[in-house]
Amino acid sequence: MVQSEKILLTTSRNPTPRIRTFCHDLARVLPTIVYVNRGKMSNDEIAEKAMEHDADRAVIFDRWHGGPSKIKLFQIGQFGLVSIPPTIHVADIGLQREFGVSKAKPALSIVLPASNNSSEVLRITNALSSFFRIHTLPIDEAVKTGSTLMNVSRDKANRIAITFMVEPKHIEVGPRIVISSVKW
């Protein structure tokens, strides 16, 4: 299979309006994402839809009891969707409109975590960089780009969060994903 730069993003069935909006926000900040409403598509049909869009990977954003649940990453294989670790269990999400942003520029790189961050933060950063094919940069180089950056770090409550920041102003523009756990 030819490597593609496109990634199909969809949801579990019956997503809430908040989860749909989150997916639209994520598609705006990750330039390789193509968002597709799932409807009644099976996993096999999601794989077919990904191939229609020349995508070789897929992300499914699940919900549970009306709230965000987990983010599952997949490679499009010969026989459908093939799960790729990690599965990211989501505690909470933040939308761009909650940050006062209607549209943000696409993120072109991921900030390498500072050396005082946990190995789990670095492991998540590397997995996301590999899956989304976005290169990592040390913070001092990343700030100089003057673009939107993806950042994986611990928040004030010591939870791991994936955020998007505009540099050099260091303003969070959303969306935000607060992680409850990661299954490798």
C-alpha atoms as a PDB file:
ATOM      1  CA  MET A   1       0.000   0.000   0.000  1.00  0.00           C
ATOM      2  CA  VAL A   2       1.286   3.484  -0.894  1.00  0.00           C
ATOM      3  CA  GLN A   3       1.957   5.727   2.099  1.00  0.00           C
ATOM      4  CA  SER A   4      -0.465   8.616   2.228  1.00  0.00           C
ATOM      5  CA  GLU A   5      -0.328  11.785   4.231  1.00  0.00           C
ATOM      6  CA  LYS A   6      -4.099  11.733   4.789  1.00  0.00           C
ATOM      7  CA  ILE A   7      -5.853  10.389   7.859  1.00  0.00           C
ATOM      8  CA  LEU A   8      -9.579   9.753   8.108  1.00  0.00           C
ATOM      9  CA  LEU A   9     -11.210  10.976  11.328  1.00  0.00           C
ATOM     10  CA  THR A  10     -14.647   9.806  12.376  1.00  0.00           C
ATOM     11  CA  THR A  11     -16.615   9.081  15.541  1.00  0.00           C
ATOM     12  CA  SER A  12     -18.398   6.185  17.105  1.00  0.00           C
ATOM     13  CA  ARG A  13     -22.071   5.941  16.183  1.00  0.00           C
ATOM     14  CA  ASN A  14     -24.441   8.628  17.474  1.00  0.00           C
ATOM     15  CA  PRO A  15     -21.855  11.233  18.513  1.00  0.00           C
ATOM     16  CA  THR A  16     -22.938  14.222  20.552  1.00  0.00           C
ATOM     17  CA  PRO A  17     -22.812  17.700  18.961  1.00  0.00           C
ATOM     18  CA  ARG A  18     -19.852  18.510  21.241  1.00  0.00           C
ATOM     19  CA  ILE A  19     -17.879  15.506  19.968  1.00  0.00           C
ATOM     20  CA  ARG A  20     -18.705  16.417  16.345  1.00  0.00           C
ATOM     21  CA  THR A  21     -17.502  19.982  16.951  1.00  0.00           C
ATOM     22  CA  PHE A  22     -14.333  18.649  18.588  1.00  0.00           C
ATOM     23  CA  CYS A  23     -13.635  16.517  15.502  1.00  0.00           C
ATOM     24  CA  HIS A  24     -14.119  19.548  13.223  1.00  0.00           C
ATOM     25  CA  ASP A  25     -11.700  21.517  15.439  1.00  0.00           C
ATOM     26  CA  LEU A  26      -9.139  18.712  15.303  1.00  0.00           C
ATOM     27  CA  ALA A  27      -9.441  18.555  11.505  1.00  0.00           C
ATOM     28  CA  ARG A  28      -8.678  22.299  11.361  1.00  0.00           C
ATOM     29  CA  VAL A  29      -5.451  22.073  13.366  1.00  0.00           C
ATOM     30  CA  LEU A  30      -4.081  18.811  11.958  1.00  0.00           C
ATOM     31  CA  PRO A  31      -3.517  19.376   8.241  1.00  0.00           C
ATOM     32  CA  THR A  32      -3.576  15.682   7.313  1.00  0.00           C
ATOM     33  CA  ILE A  33      -7.036  14.993   8.811  1.00  0.00           C
ATOM     34  CA  VAL A  34     -10.140  14.418   6.674  1.00  0.00           C
ATOM     35  CA  TYR A  35     -13.274  14.380   8.863  1.00  0.00           C
ATOM     36  CA  VAL A  36     -16.161  12.154   7.764  1.00  0.00           C
ATOM     37  CA  ASN A  37     -19.506  11.744   9.518  1.00  0.00           C
ATOM     38  CA  ARG A  38     -19.801   8.076  10.452  1.00  0.00           C
ATOM     39  CA  GLY A  39     -23.527   7.551  10.248  1.00  0.00           C
ATOM     40  CA  LYS A  40     -24.174   3.798  10.201  1.00  0.00           C
ATOM     41  CA  MET A  41     -20.799   2.827   8.692  1.00  0.00           C
ATOM     42  CA  SER A  42     -19.234  -0.401   9.947  1.00  0.00           C
ATOM     43  CA  ASN A  43     -15.478  -0.607  10.564  1.00  0.00           C
ATOM     44  CA  ASP A  44     -15.051  -2.202   7.125  1.00  0.00           C
ATOM     45  CA  GLU A  45     -16.958   0.680   5.540  1.00  0.00           C
ATOM     46  CA  ILE A  46     -14.748   3.156   7.435  1.00  0.00           C
ATOM     47  CA  ALA A  47     -11.703   1.456   5.875  1.00  0.00           C
ATOM     48  CA  GLU A  48     -13.323   1.732   2.431  1.00  0.00           C
ATOM     49  CA  LYS A  49     -14.159   5.411   3.020  1.00  0.00           C
ATOM     50  CA  ALA A  50     -10.543   6.035   4.067  1.00  0.00           C
ATOM     51  CA  MET A  51      -9.321   4.494   0.813  1.00  0.00           C
ATOM     52  CA  GLU A  52     -11.784   6.689  -1.143  1.00  0.00           C
ATOM     53  CA  HIS A  53     -10.078   9.696   0.466  1.00  0.00           C
ATOM     54  CA  ASP A  54      -6.584   8.271  -0.198  1.00  0.00           C
ATOM     55  CA  ALA A  55      -6.028   7.904   3.545  1.00  0.00           C
ATOM     56  CA  ASP A  56      -3.889   5.087   4.883  1.00  0.00           C
ATOM     57  CA  ARG A  57      -4.731   5.685   8.560  1.00  0.00           C
ATOM     58  CA  ALA A  58      -7.885   6.340  10.558  1.00  0.00           C
ATOM     59  CA  VAL A  59      -8.827   7.770  13.939  1.00  0.00           C
ATOM     60  CA  ILE A  60     -12.088   6.880  15.666  1.00  0.00           C
ATOM     61  CA  PHE A  61     -13.232   9.122  18.511  1.00  0.00           C
ATOM     62  CA  ASP A  62     -15.530   7.079  20.773  1.00  0.00           C
ATOM     63  CA  ARG A  63     -18.129   8.308  23.206  1.00  0.00           C
ATOM     64  CA  TRP A  64     -19.500   6.705  26.347  1.00  0.00           C
ATOM     65  CA  HIS A  65     -22.654   7.857  28.117  1.00  0.00           C
ATOM     66  CA  GLY A  66     -22.707  11.043  26.031  1.00  0.00           C
ATOM     67  CA  GLY A  67     -19.167  12.120  26.829  1.00  0.00           C
ATOM     68  CA  PRO A  68     -15.758  11.568  25.275  1.00  0.00           C
ATOM     69  CA  SER A  69     -14.375   8.106  25.873  1.00  0.00           C
ATOM     70  CA  LYS A  70     -11.313   7.158  23.836  1.00  0.00           C
ATOM     71  CA  ILE A  71      -9.305   7.830  20.728  1.00  0.00           C
ATOM     72  CA  LYS A  72      -8.387   4.746  18.723  1.00  0.00           C
ATOM     73  CA  LEU A  73      -5.718   4.820  16.009  1.00  0.00           C
ATOM     74  CA  PHE A  74      -5.775   2.499  12.998  1.00  0.00           C
ATOM     75  CA  GLN A  75      -3.743   1.611   9.940  1.00  0.00           C
ATOM     76  CA  ILE A  76      -5.776   0.739   6.844  1.00  0.00           C
ATOM     77  CA  GLY A  77      -4.718  -2.811   6.051  1.00  0.00           C
ATOM     78  CA  GLN A  78      -5.556  -5.240   3.311  1.00  0.00           C
ATOM     79  CA  PHE A  79      -8.396  -6.646   5.424  1.00  0.00           C
ATOM     80  CA  GLY A  80      -9.706  -3.425   6.993  1.00  0.00           C
ATOM     81  CA  LEU A  81      -8.768  -1.483  10.110  1.00  0.00           C
ATOM     82  CA  VAL A  82      -5.701  -2.631  12.041  1.00  0.00           C
ATOM     83  CA  SER A  83      -5.388  -1.154  15.538  1.00  0.00           C
ATOM     84  CA  ILE A  84      -2.191   0.773  16.344  1.00  0.00           C
ATOM     85  CA  PRO A  85      -1.202   1.550  19.930  1.00  0.00           C
ATOM     86  CA  PRO A  86      -1.828   3.585  21.924  1.00  0.00           C
ATOM     87  CA  THR A  87      -5.535   3.802  22.696  1.00  0.00           C
ATOM     88  CA  ILE A  88      -6.002   7.125  24.451  1.00  0.00           C
ATOM     89  CA  HIS A  89      -8.705   7.224  27.131  1.00  0.00           C
ATOM     90  CA  VAL A  90     -10.119  10.731  27.329  1.00  0.00           C
ATOM     91  CA  ALA A  91     -11.156  12.456  30.561  1.00  0.00           C
ATOM     92  CA  ASP A  92     -12.288  15.721  28.961  1.00  0.00           C
ATOM     93  CA  ILE A  93     -12.087  17.808  25.813  1.00  0.00           C
ATOM     94  CA  GLY A  94     -11.974  21.542  25.129  1.00  0.00           C
ATOM     95  CA  LEU A  95     -13.295  23.160  21.958  1.00  0.00           C
ATOM     96  CA  GLN A  96     -11.740  26.029  20.022  1.00  0.00           C
ATOM     97  CA  ARG A  97     -14.747  28.254  20.704  1.00  0.00           C
ATOM     98  CA  GLU A  98     -14.106  27.829  24.453  1.00  0.00           C
ATOM     99  CA  PHE A  99     -10.689  29.406  23.867  1.00  0.00           C
ATOM    100  CA  GLY A 100     -12.245  32.277  21.903  1.00  0.00           C
ATOM    101  CA  VAL A 101     -10.921  30.964  18.602  1.00  0.00           C
ATOM    102  CA  SER A 102     -12.987  30.276  15.522  1.00  0.00           C
ATOM    103  CA  LYS A 103     -10.168  29.027  13.304  1.00  0.00           C
ATOM    104  CA  ALA A 104      -6.543  28.255  14.014  1.00  0.00           C
ATOM    105  CA  LYS A 105      -3.717  27.620  11.595  1.00  0.00           C
ATOM    106  CA  PRO A 106      -2.701  23.979  11.165  1.00  0.00           C
ATOM    107  CA  ALA A 107      -0.120  22.545  13.557  1.00  0.00           C
ATOM    108  CA  LEU A 108       3.098  21.804  11.722  1.00  0.00           C
ATOM    109  CA  SER A 109       5.112  20.312  14.567  1.00  0.00           C
ATOM    110  CA  ILE A 110       4.931  18.822  18.048  1.00  0.00           C
ATOM    111  CA  VAL A 111       6.920  20.318  20.895  1.00  0.00           C
ATOM    112  CA  LEU A 112       9.404  17.885  22.435  1.00  0.00           C
ATOM    113  CA  PRO A 113       8.604  17.648  26.143  1.00  0.00           C
ATOM    114  CA  ALA A 114      11.037  19.180  28.597  1.00  0.00           C
ATOM    115  CA  SER A 115      13.448  16.764  30.239  1.00  0.00           C
ATOM    116  CA  ASN A 116      11.582  17.116  33.559  1.00  0.00           C
ATOM    117  CA  ASN A 117       8.419  15.587  32.024  1.00  0.00           C
ATOM    118  CA  SER A 118       7.613  11.929  32.567  1.00  0.00           C
ATOM    119  CA  SER A 119       8.630   9.196  30.182  1.00  0.00           C
ATOM    120  CA  GLU A 120       4.891   8.654  29.521  1.00  0.00           C
ATOM    121  CA  VAL A 121       4.599  12.197  28.113  1.00  0.00           C
ATOM    122  CA  LEU A 122       7.582  11.553  25.829  1.00  0.00           C
ATOM    123  CA  ARG A 123       6.183   8.185  24.760  1.00  0.00           C
ATOM    124  CA  ILE A 124       2.804   9.751  23.848  1.00  0.00           C
ATOM    125  CA  THR A 125       4.563  12.600  22.011  1.00  0.00           C
ATOM    126  CA  ASN A 126       6.606  10.144  19.950  1.00  0.00           C
ATOM    127  CA  ALA A 127       3.558   7.975  19.166  1.00  0.00           C
ATOM    128  CA  LEU A 128       1.522  10.985  17.995  1.00  0.00           C
ATOM    129  CA  SER A 129       4.446  12.333  15.974  1.00  0.00           C
ATOM    130  CA  SER A 130       4.827   8.976  14.239  1.00  0.00           C
ATOM    131  CA  PHE A 131       1.116   8.431  13.613  1.00  0.00           C
ATOM    132  CA  PHE A 132       0.319  11.950  12.376  1.00  0.00           C
ATOM    133  CA  ARG A 133       3.708  12.236  10.644  1.00  0.00           C
ATOM    134  CA  ILE A 134       4.395  15.585  12.258  1.00  0.00           C
ATOM    135  CA  HIS A 135       7.997  16.254  13.269  1.00  0.00           C
ATOM    136  CA  THR A 136       9.038  17.182  16.797  1.00  0.00           C
ATOM    137  CA  LEU A 137      10.985  20.281  17.738  1.00  0.00           C
ATOM    138  CA  PRO A 138      12.594  21.442  20.981  1.00  0.00           C
ATOM    139  CA  ILE A 139      10.592  24.286  22.559  1.00  0.00           C
ATOM    140  CA  ASP A 140      13.175  26.983  21.724  1.00  0.00           C
ATOM    141  CA  GLU A 141      13.056  26.057  18.017  1.00  0.00           C
ATOM    142  CA  ALA A 142       9.286  25.543  18.026  1.00  0.00           C
ATOM    143  CA  VAL A 143       8.620  29.052  19.356  1.00  0.00           C
ATOM    144  CA  LYS A 144      10.603  30.545  16.468  1.00  0.00           C
ATOM    145  CA  THR A 145       8.286  28.957  13.870  1.00  0.00           C
ATOM    146  CA  GLY A 146       5.474  31.391  14.665  1.00  0.00           C
ATOM    147  CA  SER A 147       2.906  28.683  13.954  1.00  0.00           C
ATOM    148  CA  THR A 148       0.410  26.524  15.802  1.00  0.00           C
ATOM    149  CA  LEU A 149       2.104  23.713  17.715  1.00  0.00           C
ATOM    150  CA  MET A 150       0.831  20.511  19.281  1.00  0.00           C
ATOM    151  CA  ASN A 151       2.011  20.115  22.841  1.00  0.00           C
ATOM    152  CA  VAL A 152       1.784  17.065  25.125  1.00  0.00           C
ATOM    153  CA  SER A 153       2.377  17.972  28.765  1.00  0.00           C
ATOM    154  CA  ARG A 154       1.018  17.699  32.282  1.00  0.00           C
ATOM    155  CA  ASP A 155      -1.630  20.217  33.320  1.00  0.00           C
ATOM    156  CA  LYS A 156      -2.014  21.863  36.734  1.00  0.00           C
ATOM    157  CA  ALA A 157      -3.858  18.782  38.028  1.00  0.00           C
ATOM    158  CA  ASN A 158      -0.901  16.597  36.854  1.00  0.00           C
ATOM    159  CA  ARG A 159      -2.993  14.991  34.099  1.00  0.00           C
ATOM    160  CA  ILE A 160      -1.517  14.574  30.642  1.00  0.00           C
ATOM    161  CA  ALA A 161      -3.103  16.950  28.142  1.00  0.00           C
ATOM    162  CA  ILE A 162      -2.726  17.437  24.393  1.00  0.00           C
ATOM    163  CA  THR A 163      -3.036  21.117  23.561  1.00  0.00           C
ATOM    164  CA  PHE A 164      -2.547  23.367  20.554  1.00  0.00           C
ATOM    165  CA  MET A 165      -0.690  26.656  21.050  1.00  0.00           C
ATOM    166  CA  VAL A 166       0.041  29.617  18.792  1.00  0.00           C
ATOM    167  CA  GLU A 167       3.657  30.695  19.051  1.00  0.00           C
ATOM    168  CA  PRO A 168       5.482  32.914  19.854  1.00  0.00           C
ATOM    169  CA  LYS A 169       2.543  34.383  21.826  1.00  0.00           C
ATOM    170  CA  HIS A 170       2.062  31.029  23.634  1.00  0.00           C
ATOM    171  CA  ILE A 171      -1.737  31.244  23.457  1.00  0.00           C
ATOM    172  CA  GLU A 172      -3.786  28.061  23.643  1.00  0.00           C
ATOM    173  CA  VAL A 173      -6.228  27.912  20.729  1.00  0.00           C
ATOM    174  CA  GLY A 174      -7.724  24.449  21.188  1.00  0.00           C
ATOM    175  CA  PRO A 175      -8.857  21.874  20.877  1.00  0.00           C
ATOM    176  CA  ARG A 176      -7.646  20.292  24.109  1.00  0.00           C
ATOM    177  CA  ILE A 177      -7.643  16.618  25.046  1.00  0.00           C
ATOM    178  CA  VAL A 178      -7.220  15.705  28.706  1.00  0.00           C
ATOM    179  CA  ILE A 179      -6.075  12.101  29.009  1.00  0.00           C
ATOM    180  CA  SER A 180      -7.267   9.805  31.788  1.00  0.00           C
ATOM    181  CA  SER A 181      -5.087   6.835  30.760  1.00  0.00           C
ATOM    182  CA  VAL A 182      -3.215   5.335  27.836  1.00  0.00           C
ATOM    183  CA  LYS A 183      -3.341   1.680  26.849  1.00  0.00           C
ATOM    184  CA  TRP A 184      -0.262   0.474  24.992  1.00  0.00           C
END
